[in-house]
Amino acid sequence: MPPSPIVPKIKILLVDDHILMRIGLASATNNEPDMEVVAEAEDGVEAIEAYRVHHPDVVVLDMRMPKKNGLETIEALRREFGSVRILVLSNYAGGDDVSHALKAGVCGYVVKDTRLEQLLSAIRTVHAGEQYLPAEIARHLTGRIISQLSKREMEVLTLIGRGQSNKEVASTLHLVEGTVKLHVTSILSKLGVADRTQAVLVAMKRGILQLD
């Protein structure tokens, strides 16, 4: 009988100033066959140093911390490690915290009282390169736009609304597909949604987008 294949583990950096929270998160994630906590930090300064040493796949980070708060830490990590994948795990789901985090470039946002299954799903989703934003958090952003969509982003969103894939959008607008993906990520962040379908629905609901 052939040996079972080794499951590659998602390397996680936990950043929270409450040690009991870190212990609980570490226990929960280390029990998963595809996850491993490789480092912990209690503030933003430690988080940046830990990232430099361990290069984790996903950073699970609180927004309220001493020395360097969550937003400052996110911005610093993004400056130094452009491809960093950050999932915010916070007590606060208010519009300001969520919108600022999304604008800074996080890949997901969940609250600390979320179910464990949802948190694990969020980690896996962020690791896969996708954005994770639960509906209950997205609702806090209803009626708010972090910043106006650019003309190019509106063109991309319109074509998405007409059912075009990223590849088709790229062909229509004479762009490379990677550029379209960047525009889509920006659109999702600015509208505070998790996927393309939600982006179209929210934009239409707010009157930003009108399809013939």
N, C-alpha and C. Protein backbone atom coordinates (compact mmCIF):
# COMPACT_ATOMS: atom_id res chain seq x y z
N MET A 1 0.86 -1.20 0.00
CA MET A 1 0.00 0.00 0.00
C MET A 1 0.89 1.24 0.00
N PRO A 2 0.70 2.16 -0.97
CA PRO A 2 1.58 3.34 -1.05
C PRO A 2 1.36 4.26 0.14
N PRO A 3 2.41 4.94 0.59
CA PRO A 3 2.26 5.86 1.73
C PRO A 3 1.34 7.02 1.38
N SER A 4 0.67 7.55 2.40
CA SER A 4 -0.22 8.69 2.19
C SER A 4 0.60 9.91 1.78
N PRO A 5 0.10 10.68 0.83
CA PRO A 5 0.84 11.88 0.42
C PRO A 5 0.95 12.88 1.56
N ILE A 6 2.08 13.56 1.62
CA ILE A 6 2.29 14.58 2.65
C ILE A 6 1.53 15.84 2.26
N VAL A 7 0.67 16.31 3.17
CA VAL A 7 -0.11 17.52 2.90
C VAL A 7 0.74 18.74 3.22
N PRO A 8 1.01 19.62 2.25
CA PRO A 8 1.77 20.84 2.54
C PRO A 8 1.00 21.73 3.51
N LYS A 9 1.68 22.19 4.53
CA LYS A 9 1.00 22.97 5.56
C LYS A 9 1.07 24.46 5.29
N ILE A 10 0.00 25.14 5.63
CA ILE A 10 -0.06 26.59 5.56
C ILE A 10 0.69 27.15 6.77
N LYS A 11 1.75 27.87 6.52
CA LYS A 11 2.55 28.44 7.61
C LYS A 11 1.90 29.75 8.08
N ILE A 12 1.63 29.81 9.37
CA ILE A 12 0.85 30.93 9.92
C ILE A 12 1.67 31.70 10.95
N LEU A 13 1.58 33.03 10.87
CA LEU A 13 2.12 33.92 11.90
C LEU A 13 0.94 34.53 12.65
N LEU A 14 0.86 34.30 13.97
CA LEU A 14 -0.21 34.86 14.81
C LEU A 14 0.28 36.13 15.47
N VAL A 15 -0.51 37.20 15.33
CA VAL A 15 -0.13 38.49 15.91
C VAL A 15 -1.28 39.01 16.76
N ASP A 16 -1.10 38.97 18.09
CA ASP A 16 -2.13 39.42 19.01
C ASP A 16 -1.47 39.67 20.36
N ASP A 17 -1.86 40.76 21.03
CA ASP A 17 -1.20 41.08 22.29
C ASP A 17 -1.77 40.30 23.48
N HIS A 18 -2.80 39.49 23.26
CA HIS A 18 -3.38 38.67 24.33
C HIS A 18 -2.86 37.23 24.19
N ILE A 19 -2.08 36.80 25.16
CA ILE A 19 -1.44 35.49 25.07
C ILE A 19 -2.47 34.36 25.04
N LEU A 20 -3.57 34.50 25.79
CA LEU A 20 -4.58 33.44 25.79
C LEU A 20 -5.22 33.29 24.41
N MET A 21 -5.40 34.41 23.73
CA MET A 21 -5.94 34.34 22.36
C MET A 21 -4.96 33.61 21.45
N ARG A 22 -3.68 33.92 21.57
CA ARG A 22 -2.68 33.25 20.74
C ARG A 22 -2.62 31.75 21.04
N ILE A 23 -2.71 31.40 22.32
CA ILE A 23 -2.67 29.98 22.69
C ILE A 23 -3.85 29.25 22.08
N GLY A 24 -5.04 29.85 22.17
CA GLY A 24 -6.23 29.23 21.61
C GLY A 24 -6.15 29.08 20.10
N LEU A 25 -5.68 30.13 19.44
CA LEU A 25 -5.56 30.08 17.98
C LEU A 25 -4.51 29.07 17.54
N ALA A 26 -3.40 29.05 18.26
CA ALA A 26 -2.33 28.11 17.90
C ALA A 26 -2.82 26.68 18.06
N SER A 27 -3.52 26.41 19.14
CA SER A 27 -4.03 25.06 19.37
C SER A 27 -5.01 24.64 18.28
N ALA A 28 -5.92 25.55 17.93
CA ALA A 28 -6.94 25.23 16.93
C ALA A 28 -6.33 25.00 15.55
N THR A 29 -5.40 25.86 15.16
CA THR A 29 -4.84 25.74 13.82
C THR A 29 -3.83 24.58 13.72
N ASN A 30 -3.07 24.35 14.78
CA ASN A 30 -2.09 23.27 14.74
C ASN A 30 -2.76 21.90 14.72
N ASN A 31 -4.02 21.84 15.12
CA ASN A 31 -4.76 20.58 15.07
C ASN A 31 -5.23 20.24 13.66
N GLU A 32 -5.13 21.22 12.75
CA GLU A 32 -5.54 20.99 11.37
C GLU A 32 -4.38 20.35 10.60
N PRO A 33 -4.68 19.35 9.74
CA PRO A 33 -3.59 18.66 9.03
C PRO A 33 -2.84 19.53 8.04
N ASP A 34 -3.46 20.66 7.63
CA ASP A 34 -2.84 21.50 6.61
C ASP A 34 -2.40 22.85 7.15
N MET A 35 -2.29 22.99 8.48
CA MET A 35 -1.90 24.27 9.06
C MET A 35 -0.83 24.10 10.12
N GLU A 36 0.02 25.12 10.25
CA GLU A 36 1.08 25.10 11.25
C GLU A 36 1.44 26.52 11.64
N VAL A 37 1.37 26.82 12.93
CA VAL A 37 1.81 28.13 13.43
C VAL A 37 3.33 28.11 13.54
N VAL A 38 3.98 28.93 12.74
CA VAL A 38 5.45 28.94 12.72
C VAL A 38 6.03 30.04 13.61
N ALA A 39 5.18 31.02 14.00
CA ALA A 39 5.68 32.11 14.85
C ALA A 39 4.49 32.86 15.46
N GLU A 40 4.77 33.52 16.59
CA GLU A 40 3.78 34.36 17.24
C GLU A 40 4.42 35.70 17.57
N ALA A 41 3.58 36.73 17.66
CA ALA A 41 4.06 38.06 18.03
C ALA A 41 2.97 38.76 18.82
N GLU A 42 3.38 39.62 19.76
CA GLU A 42 2.40 40.30 20.58
C GLU A 42 2.20 41.76 20.18
N ASP A 43 2.97 42.24 19.22
CA ASP A 43 2.78 43.60 18.73
C ASP A 43 3.31 43.69 17.30
N GLY A 44 3.09 44.84 16.68
CA GLY A 44 3.47 45.00 15.29
C GLY A 44 4.96 44.95 15.04
N VAL A 45 5.74 45.46 15.97
CA VAL A 45 7.19 45.44 15.81
C VAL A 45 7.70 44.01 15.76
N GLU A 46 7.21 43.18 16.70
CA GLU A 46 7.59 41.76 16.72
C GLU A 46 7.09 41.05 15.47
N ALA A 47 5.91 41.44 14.99
CA ALA A 47 5.33 40.79 13.81
C ALA A 47 6.23 40.96 12.59
N ILE A 48 6.73 42.17 12.39
CA ILE A 48 7.58 42.44 11.23
C ILE A 48 8.87 41.64 11.32
N GLU A 49 9.47 41.59 12.52
CA GLU A 49 10.69 40.81 12.70
C GLU A 49 10.42 39.32 12.46
N ALA A 50 9.29 38.83 12.96
CA ALA A 50 8.95 37.41 12.79
C ALA A 50 8.71 37.08 11.32
N TYR A 51 8.11 38.01 10.59
CA TYR A 51 7.87 37.76 9.16
C TYR A 51 9.20 37.65 8.42
N ARG A 52 10.14 38.50 8.76
CA ARG A 52 11.45 38.48 8.09
C ARG A 52 12.15 37.14 8.30
N VAL A 53 11.96 36.55 9.47
CA VAL A 53 12.64 35.30 9.80
C VAL A 53 11.92 34.08 9.20
N HIS A 54 10.59 34.05 9.33
CA HIS A 54 9.83 32.83 9.04
C HIS A 54 9.12 32.83 7.69
N HIS A 55 8.88 33.99 7.10
CA HIS A 55 8.19 34.09 5.81
C HIS A 55 6.93 33.22 5.77
N PRO A 56 5.98 33.49 6.65
CA PRO A 56 4.75 32.68 6.70
C PRO A 56 3.89 32.87 5.45
N ASP A 57 2.98 31.93 5.25
CA ASP A 57 2.05 32.03 4.12
C ASP A 57 0.91 33.01 4.44
N VAL A 58 0.46 33.01 5.69
CA VAL A 58 -0.67 33.85 6.11
C VAL A 58 -0.35 34.49 7.46
N VAL A 59 -0.62 35.79 7.57
CA VAL A 59 -0.51 36.49 8.84
C VAL A 59 -1.92 36.70 9.39
N VAL A 60 -2.19 36.18 10.59
CA VAL A 60 -3.47 36.41 11.26
C VAL A 60 -3.22 37.48 12.31
N LEU A 61 -3.87 38.63 12.16
CA LEU A 61 -3.43 39.83 12.88
C LEU A 61 -4.60 40.57 13.51
N ASP A 62 -4.39 41.03 14.75
CA ASP A 62 -5.37 41.86 15.44
C ASP A 62 -5.15 43.32 15.05
N MET A 63 -6.20 44.13 15.14
CA MET A 63 -6.07 45.54 14.76
C MET A 63 -5.62 46.42 15.92
N ARG A 64 -5.91 46.03 17.15
CA ARG A 64 -5.59 46.87 18.31
C ARG A 64 -4.43 46.25 19.07
N MET A 65 -3.23 46.83 18.92
CA MET A 65 -2.03 46.30 19.56
C MET A 65 -1.15 47.45 20.02
N PRO A 66 -0.26 47.20 20.99
CA PRO A 66 0.68 48.25 21.44
C PRO A 66 1.83 48.43 20.46
N LYS A 67 2.60 49.49 20.67
CA LYS A 67 3.82 49.84 19.91
C LYS A 67 3.51 50.19 18.46
N LYS A 68 2.96 49.26 17.71
CA LYS A 68 2.58 49.51 16.33
C LYS A 68 1.24 48.83 16.12
N ASN A 69 0.19 49.62 15.87
CA ASN A 69 -1.14 49.02 15.78
C ASN A 69 -1.32 48.21 14.50
N GLY A 70 -2.50 47.59 14.38
CA GLY A 70 -2.74 46.71 13.25
C GLY A 70 -2.58 47.39 11.91
N LEU A 71 -3.16 48.57 11.77
CA LEU A 71 -3.09 49.27 10.50
C LEU A 71 -1.65 49.64 10.14
N GLU A 72 -0.90 50.14 11.11
CA GLU A 72 0.51 50.47 10.86
C GLU A 72 1.31 49.23 10.49
N THR A 73 1.00 48.12 11.15
CA THR A 73 1.70 46.87 10.86
C THR A 73 1.38 46.37 9.47
N ILE A 74 0.11 46.44 9.09
CA ILE A 74 -0.31 46.03 7.75
C ILE A 74 0.44 46.84 6.69
N GLU A 75 0.46 48.15 6.88
CA GLU A 75 1.13 49.03 5.90
C GLU A 75 2.62 48.74 5.83
N ALA A 76 3.25 48.48 6.98
CA ALA A 76 4.69 48.19 7.00
C ALA A 76 4.98 46.86 6.32
N LEU A 77 4.17 45.85 6.58
CA LEU A 77 4.36 44.55 5.94
C LEU A 77 4.16 44.63 4.44
N ARG A 78 3.16 45.41 4.03
CA ARG A 78 2.89 45.55 2.60
C ARG A 78 4.03 46.27 1.89
N ARG A 79 4.62 47.26 2.58
CA ARG A 79 5.75 47.98 1.97
C ARG A 79 6.95 47.06 1.78
N GLU A 80 7.22 46.25 2.79
CA GLU A 80 8.43 45.41 2.75
C GLU A 80 8.21 44.09 2.02
N PHE A 81 7.00 43.55 2.14
CA PHE A 81 6.69 42.26 1.51
C PHE A 81 5.40 42.42 0.72
N GLY A 82 5.50 42.83 -0.51
CA GLY A 82 4.31 43.20 -1.28
C GLY A 82 3.28 42.12 -1.42
N SER A 83 3.70 40.85 -1.41
CA SER A 83 2.76 39.76 -1.63
C SER A 83 2.21 39.17 -0.34
N VAL A 84 2.48 39.82 0.80
CA VAL A 84 2.04 39.29 2.08
C VAL A 84 0.51 39.10 2.10
N ARG A 85 0.08 37.98 2.67
CA ARG A 85 -1.36 37.69 2.78
C ARG A 85 -1.77 37.83 4.23
N ILE A 86 -2.61 38.82 4.49
CA ILE A 86 -2.98 39.17 5.86
C ILE A 86 -4.47 38.96 6.07
N LEU A 87 -4.81 38.25 7.15
CA LEU A 87 -6.19 38.08 7.58
C LEU A 87 -6.35 38.78 8.92
N VAL A 88 -7.20 39.78 8.98
CA VAL A 88 -7.45 40.48 10.24
C VAL A 88 -8.44 39.66 11.07
N LEU A 89 -8.10 39.48 12.35
CA LEU A 89 -9.00 38.84 13.32
C LEU A 89 -9.17 39.82 14.46
N SER A 90 -10.32 40.47 14.52
CA SER A 90 -10.50 41.61 15.40
C SER A 90 -11.79 41.52 16.21
N ASN A 91 -11.81 42.23 17.33
CA ASN A 91 -13.04 42.37 18.11
C ASN A 91 -14.01 43.34 17.46
N TYR A 92 -13.51 44.14 16.54
CA TYR A 92 -14.28 45.26 16.01
C TYR A 92 -14.63 45.04 14.54
N ALA A 93 -15.91 45.17 14.23
CA ALA A 93 -16.35 45.02 12.84
C ALA A 93 -16.94 46.33 12.32
N GLY A 94 -16.58 47.43 12.97
CA GLY A 94 -17.07 48.73 12.53
C GLY A 94 -16.54 49.11 11.17
N GLY A 95 -17.28 49.98 10.49
CA GLY A 95 -16.93 50.35 9.13
C GLY A 95 -15.54 50.92 8.98
N ASP A 96 -15.11 51.75 9.94
CA ASP A 96 -13.80 52.39 9.82
C ASP A 96 -12.67 51.37 9.86
N ASP A 97 -12.71 50.46 10.86
CA ASP A 97 -11.65 49.46 10.96
C ASP A 97 -11.61 48.59 9.71
N VAL A 98 -12.76 48.14 9.26
CA VAL A 98 -12.82 47.25 8.10
C VAL A 98 -12.34 47.97 6.85
N SER A 99 -12.86 49.16 6.61
CA SER A 99 -12.52 49.88 5.39
C SER A 99 -11.05 50.26 5.36
N HIS A 100 -10.51 50.69 6.50
CA HIS A 100 -9.09 51.06 6.55
C HIS A 100 -8.21 49.84 6.31
N ALA A 101 -8.60 48.70 6.88
CA ALA A 101 -7.82 47.48 6.69
C ALA A 101 -7.84 47.04 5.23
N LEU A 102 -9.01 47.10 4.62
CA LEU A 102 -9.13 46.70 3.21
C LEU A 102 -8.33 47.64 2.31
N LYS A 103 -8.41 48.91 2.61
CA LYS A 103 -7.67 49.88 1.81
C LYS A 103 -6.17 49.68 1.95
N ALA A 104 -5.73 49.23 3.13
CA ALA A 104 -4.30 48.99 3.36
C ALA A 104 -3.82 47.72 2.67
N GLY A 105 -4.76 46.86 2.23
CA GLY A 105 -4.35 45.71 1.44
C GLY A 105 -4.51 44.35 2.08
N VAL A 106 -5.33 44.24 3.15
CA VAL A 106 -5.52 42.91 3.73
C VAL A 106 -6.35 42.04 2.79
N CYS A 107 -6.23 40.73 2.99
CA CYS A 107 -6.95 39.79 2.12
C CYS A 107 -8.24 39.30 2.74
N GLY A 108 -8.44 39.56 4.02
CA GLY A 108 -9.66 39.10 4.67
C GLY A 108 -9.84 39.75 6.03
N TYR A 109 -11.07 39.66 6.56
CA TYR A 109 -11.38 40.29 7.84
C TYR A 109 -12.47 39.47 8.52
N VAL A 110 -12.18 38.97 9.71
CA VAL A 110 -13.19 38.25 10.49
C VAL A 110 -13.13 38.75 11.93
N VAL A 111 -14.22 38.54 12.66
CA VAL A 111 -14.28 38.96 14.06
C VAL A 111 -13.92 37.79 14.96
N LYS A 112 -13.50 38.10 16.18
CA LYS A 112 -12.97 37.07 17.07
C LYS A 112 -14.03 36.09 17.57
N ASP A 113 -15.30 36.48 17.53
CA ASP A 113 -16.34 35.54 17.98
C ASP A 113 -16.88 34.69 16.84
N THR A 114 -16.21 34.71 15.71
CA THR A 114 -16.64 33.88 14.59
C THR A 114 -16.44 32.41 14.92
N ARG A 115 -17.20 31.54 14.27
CA ARG A 115 -17.06 30.11 14.48
C ARG A 115 -15.70 29.64 13.98
N LEU A 116 -15.16 28.62 14.65
CA LEU A 116 -13.84 28.11 14.29
C LEU A 116 -13.80 27.66 12.84
N GLU A 117 -14.87 27.00 12.39
CA GLU A 117 -14.89 26.52 11.00
C GLU A 117 -14.78 27.68 10.02
N GLN A 118 -15.40 28.80 10.35
CA GLN A 118 -15.35 29.97 9.47
C GLN A 118 -13.95 30.58 9.47
N LEU A 119 -13.31 30.61 10.62
CA LEU A 119 -11.95 31.14 10.70
C LEU A 119 -10.99 30.28 9.89
N LEU A 120 -11.09 28.97 10.03
CA LEU A 120 -10.22 28.07 9.28
C LEU A 120 -10.46 28.22 7.78
N SER A 121 -11.73 28.38 7.40
CA SER A 121 -12.05 28.60 5.99
C SER A 121 -11.45 29.90 5.50
N ALA A 122 -11.48 30.93 6.35
CA ALA A 122 -10.90 32.23 5.97
C ALA A 122 -9.39 32.11 5.74
N ILE A 123 -8.71 31.37 6.61
CA ILE A 123 -7.27 31.18 6.45
C ILE A 123 -6.96 30.48 5.15
N ARG A 124 -7.72 29.43 4.86
CA ARG A 124 -7.49 28.68 3.61
C ARG A 124 -7.80 29.54 2.39
N THR A 125 -8.83 30.34 2.47
CA THR A 125 -9.21 31.20 1.35
C THR A 125 -8.13 32.24 1.07
N VAL A 126 -7.65 32.88 2.13
CA VAL A 126 -6.59 33.89 1.98
C VAL A 126 -5.32 33.24 1.45
N HIS A 127 -5.00 32.06 1.95
CA HIS A 127 -3.81 31.34 1.47
C HIS A 127 -3.91 31.04 -0.01
N ALA A 128 -5.13 30.79 -0.49
CA ALA A 128 -5.35 30.48 -1.90
C ALA A 128 -5.28 31.71 -2.79
N GLY A 129 -5.05 32.88 -2.19
CA GLY A 129 -4.92 34.10 -2.97
C GLY A 129 -6.22 34.82 -3.21
N GLU A 130 -7.27 34.45 -2.47
CA GLU A 130 -8.56 35.07 -2.64
C GLU A 130 -8.87 35.97 -1.45
N GLN A 131 -9.90 36.78 -1.60
CA GLN A 131 -10.31 37.67 -0.51
C GLN A 131 -11.44 37.05 0.27
N TYR A 132 -11.41 37.22 1.60
CA TYR A 132 -12.46 36.66 2.47
C TYR A 132 -13.09 37.78 3.27
N LEU A 133 -14.36 38.02 3.04
CA LEU A 133 -15.10 39.06 3.76
C LEU A 133 -16.51 38.55 4.00
N PRO A 134 -16.82 38.09 5.23
CA PRO A 134 -18.14 37.55 5.51
C PRO A 134 -19.24 38.57 5.26
N ALA A 135 -20.42 38.07 4.96
CA ALA A 135 -21.55 38.95 4.63
C ALA A 135 -21.87 39.90 5.77
N GLU A 136 -21.74 39.43 7.02
CA GLU A 136 -22.10 40.30 8.14
C GLU A 136 -21.15 41.48 8.27
N ILE A 137 -19.91 41.32 7.83
CA ILE A 137 -18.98 42.44 7.85
C ILE A 137 -19.20 43.33 6.63
N ALA A 138 -19.46 42.72 5.50
CA ALA A 138 -19.72 43.50 4.29
C ALA A 138 -20.90 44.44 4.49
N ARG A 139 -21.88 44.00 5.30
CA ARG A 139 -23.06 44.84 5.55
C ARG A 139 -22.69 46.14 6.24
N HIS A 140 -21.63 46.12 7.06
CA HIS A 140 -21.20 47.34 7.73
C HIS A 140 -20.72 48.39 6.73
N LEU A 141 -20.35 47.93 5.55
CA LEU A 141 -19.82 48.84 4.55
C LEU A 141 -20.89 49.29 3.56
N THR A 142 -22.11 48.79 3.72
CA THR A 142 -23.17 49.15 2.79
C THR A 142 -23.36 50.67 2.76
N GLY A 143 -23.41 51.21 1.57
CA GLY A 143 -23.60 52.65 1.41
C GLY A 143 -22.32 53.45 1.49
N ARG A 144 -21.19 52.74 1.71
CA ARG A 144 -19.92 53.44 1.80
C ARG A 144 -19.01 52.97 0.69
N ILE A 145 -18.28 53.87 0.10
CA ILE A 145 -17.26 53.53 -0.88
C ILE A 145 -15.95 54.09 -0.35
N ILE A 146 -14.95 53.24 -0.19
CA ILE A 146 -13.69 53.67 0.40
C ILE A 146 -13.10 54.82 -0.40
N SER A 147 -13.10 54.69 -1.68
CA SER A 147 -12.71 55.79 -2.54
C SER A 147 -13.34 55.54 -3.90
N GLN A 148 -13.48 56.57 -4.68
CA GLN A 148 -14.14 56.43 -5.97
C GLN A 148 -13.39 55.46 -6.87
N LEU A 149 -14.15 54.65 -7.60
CA LEU A 149 -13.54 53.78 -8.59
C LEU A 149 -12.96 54.64 -9.72
N SER A 150 -11.79 54.24 -10.19
CA SER A 150 -11.20 54.96 -11.30
C SER A 150 -11.96 54.65 -12.59
N LYS A 151 -11.68 55.41 -13.62
CA LYS A 151 -12.33 55.18 -14.90
C LYS A 151 -12.06 53.77 -15.42
N ARG A 152 -10.80 53.33 -15.30
CA ARG A 152 -10.46 51.98 -15.75
C ARG A 152 -11.15 50.92 -14.92
N GLU A 153 -11.24 51.13 -13.61
CA GLU A 153 -11.94 50.17 -12.75
C GLU A 153 -13.41 50.09 -13.11
N MET A 154 -14.01 51.22 -13.47
CA MET A 154 -15.41 51.20 -13.90
C MET A 154 -15.56 50.41 -15.19
N GLU A 155 -14.61 50.55 -16.10
CA GLU A 155 -14.66 49.79 -17.35
C GLU A 155 -14.56 48.29 -17.06
N VAL A 156 -13.66 47.92 -16.17
CA VAL A 156 -13.50 46.51 -15.80
C VAL A 156 -14.78 45.99 -15.14
N LEU A 157 -15.32 46.75 -14.20
CA LEU A 157 -16.52 46.33 -13.49
C LEU A 157 -17.71 46.18 -14.44
N THR A 158 -17.83 47.08 -15.40
CA THR A 158 -18.92 47.01 -16.37
C THR A 158 -18.83 45.72 -17.19
N LEU A 159 -17.63 45.38 -17.62
CA LEU A 159 -17.45 44.17 -18.42
C LEU A 159 -17.67 42.92 -17.58
N ILE A 160 -17.29 42.97 -16.31
CA ILE A 160 -17.57 41.85 -15.41
C ILE A 160 -19.09 41.68 -15.27
N GLY A 161 -19.78 42.81 -15.14
CA GLY A 161 -21.24 42.77 -15.04
C GLY A 161 -21.90 42.18 -16.27
N ARG A 162 -21.21 42.27 -17.39
CA ARG A 162 -21.74 41.68 -18.64
C ARG A 162 -21.31 40.23 -18.83
N GLY A 163 -20.69 39.68 -17.76
CA GLY A 163 -20.38 38.26 -17.78
C GLY A 163 -19.02 37.89 -18.30
N GLN A 164 -18.13 38.87 -18.51
CA GLN A 164 -16.82 38.55 -19.06
C GLN A 164 -15.87 38.05 -17.96
N SER A 165 -15.03 37.09 -18.32
CA SER A 165 -13.98 36.61 -17.43
C SER A 165 -12.83 37.61 -17.43
N ASN A 166 -11.88 37.43 -16.52
CA ASN A 166 -10.71 38.31 -16.49
C ASN A 166 -9.98 38.29 -17.83
N LYS A 167 -9.86 37.10 -18.42
CA LYS A 167 -9.18 36.97 -19.71
C LYS A 167 -9.91 37.74 -20.79
N GLU A 168 -11.24 37.65 -20.79
CA GLU A 168 -12.04 38.36 -21.79
C GLU A 168 -11.98 39.86 -21.59
N VAL A 169 -11.99 40.29 -20.31
CA VAL A 169 -11.86 41.71 -20.01
C VAL A 169 -10.52 42.24 -20.52
N ALA A 170 -9.48 41.47 -20.28
CA ALA A 170 -8.14 41.86 -20.74
C ALA A 170 -8.10 42.03 -22.25
N SER A 171 -8.75 41.11 -22.96
CA SER A 171 -8.77 41.19 -24.42
C SER A 171 -9.55 42.40 -24.90
N THR A 172 -10.70 42.66 -24.26
CA THR A 172 -11.54 43.79 -24.66
C THR A 172 -10.84 45.12 -24.44
N LEU A 173 -10.14 45.24 -23.31
CA LEU A 173 -9.49 46.51 -22.95
C LEU A 173 -8.03 46.58 -23.38
N HIS A 174 -7.57 45.54 -24.06
CA HIS A 174 -6.18 45.49 -24.53
C HIS A 174 -5.20 45.61 -23.37
N LEU A 175 -5.46 44.80 -22.32
CA LEU A 175 -4.59 44.76 -21.14
C LEU A 175 -4.07 43.34 -20.96
N VAL A 176 -3.05 43.19 -20.13
CA VAL A 176 -2.64 41.84 -19.76
C VAL A 176 -3.55 41.38 -18.61
N GLU A 177 -3.74 40.06 -18.53
CA GLU A 177 -4.68 39.53 -17.55
C GLU A 177 -4.26 39.87 -16.12
N GLY A 178 -2.96 39.91 -15.86
CA GLY A 178 -2.49 40.26 -14.52
C GLY A 178 -2.93 41.65 -14.10
N THR A 179 -2.95 42.58 -15.05
CA THR A 179 -3.40 43.95 -14.74
C THR A 179 -4.88 43.96 -14.40
N VAL A 180 -5.65 43.17 -15.13
CA VAL A 180 -7.08 43.07 -14.84
C VAL A 180 -7.31 42.52 -13.43
N LYS A 181 -6.53 41.52 -13.05
CA LYS A 181 -6.65 40.95 -11.71
C LYS A 181 -6.37 41.98 -10.64
N LEU A 182 -5.39 42.84 -10.88
CA LEU A 182 -5.09 43.91 -9.93
C LEU A 182 -6.26 44.89 -9.82
N HIS A 183 -6.86 45.22 -10.97
CA HIS A 183 -8.03 46.11 -10.96
C HIS A 183 -9.19 45.46 -10.19
N VAL A 184 -9.39 44.17 -10.39
CA VAL A 184 -10.48 43.46 -9.71
C VAL A 184 -10.25 43.48 -8.20
N THR A 185 -9.02 43.23 -7.78
CA THR A 185 -8.71 43.26 -6.35
C THR A 185 -8.99 44.64 -5.77
N SER A 186 -8.63 45.67 -6.50
CA SER A 186 -8.88 47.04 -6.04
C SER A 186 -10.37 47.32 -5.95
N ILE A 187 -11.13 46.86 -6.95
CA ILE A 187 -12.58 47.06 -6.95
C ILE A 187 -13.22 46.39 -5.74
N LEU A 188 -12.81 45.14 -5.47
CA LEU A 188 -13.38 44.41 -4.33
C LEU A 188 -13.09 45.15 -3.02
N SER A 189 -11.87 45.65 -2.90
CA SER A 189 -11.50 46.38 -1.67
C SER A 189 -12.30 47.66 -1.52
N LYS A 190 -12.43 48.41 -2.60
CA LYS A 190 -13.13 49.69 -2.53
C LYS A 190 -14.62 49.52 -2.26
N LEU A 191 -15.19 48.44 -2.76
CA LEU A 191 -16.62 48.19 -2.53
C LEU A 191 -16.86 47.37 -1.27
N GLY A 192 -15.79 46.83 -0.68
CA GLY A 192 -15.94 46.06 0.55
C GLY A 192 -16.65 44.74 0.36
N VAL A 193 -16.37 44.06 -0.73
CA VAL A 193 -17.03 42.78 -1.02
C VAL A 193 -15.97 41.70 -1.23
N ALA A 194 -16.45 40.44 -1.31
CA ALA A 194 -15.53 39.31 -1.34
C ALA A 194 -15.31 38.73 -2.73
N ASP A 195 -16.23 38.99 -3.66
CA ASP A 195 -16.04 38.38 -4.98
C ASP A 195 -16.65 39.25 -6.07
N ARG A 196 -16.46 38.84 -7.31
CA ARG A 196 -16.88 39.62 -8.48
C ARG A 196 -18.40 39.79 -8.53
N THR A 197 -19.12 38.72 -8.24
CA THR A 197 -20.58 38.78 -8.29
C THR A 197 -21.12 39.81 -7.30
N GLN A 198 -20.58 39.77 -6.07
CA GLN A 198 -21.01 40.75 -5.06
C GLN A 198 -20.66 42.16 -5.49
N ALA A 199 -19.52 42.32 -6.14
CA ALA A 199 -19.11 43.66 -6.59
C ALA A 199 -20.14 44.24 -7.56
N VAL A 200 -20.58 43.42 -8.50
CA VAL A 200 -21.58 43.88 -9.48
C VAL A 200 -22.89 44.21 -8.78
N LEU A 201 -23.35 43.33 -7.90
CA LEU A 201 -24.63 43.53 -7.22
C LEU A 201 -24.61 44.78 -6.34
N VAL A 202 -23.52 44.96 -5.58
CA VAL A 202 -23.42 46.12 -4.70
C VAL A 202 -23.33 47.41 -5.51
N ALA A 203 -22.53 47.39 -6.59
CA ALA A 203 -22.40 48.58 -7.43
C ALA A 203 -23.72 48.97 -8.06
N MET A 204 -24.51 47.98 -8.48
CA MET A 204 -25.82 48.28 -9.06
C MET A 204 -26.77 48.81 -8.00
N LYS A 205 -26.71 48.23 -6.81
CA LYS A 205 -27.60 48.65 -5.72
C LYS A 205 -27.31 50.10 -5.32
N ARG A 206 -26.04 50.49 -5.36
CA ARG A 206 -25.66 51.85 -4.97
C ARG A 206 -25.78 52.84 -6.12
N GLY A 207 -26.14 52.35 -7.28
CA GLY A 207 -26.26 53.22 -8.42
C GLY A 207 -24.96 53.58 -9.08
N ILE A 208 -23.88 52.86 -8.71
CA ILE A 208 -22.57 53.12 -9.31
C ILE A 208 -22.52 52.55 -10.71
N LEU A 209 -23.18 51.41 -10.90
CA LEU A 209 -23.11 50.67 -12.15
C LEU A 209 -24.50 50.49 -12.74
N GLN A 210 -24.63 50.77 -14.01
CA GLN A 210 -25.88 50.53 -14.71
C GLN A 210 -25.58 49.73 -15.96
N LEU A 211 -26.22 48.56 -16.07
CA LEU A 211 -26.01 47.69 -17.20
C LEU A 211 -27.19 47.80 -18.17
N ASP A 212 -26.87 47.80 -19.45
CA ASP A 212 -27.93 47.91 -20.46
C ASP A 212 -28.76 46.63 -20.47
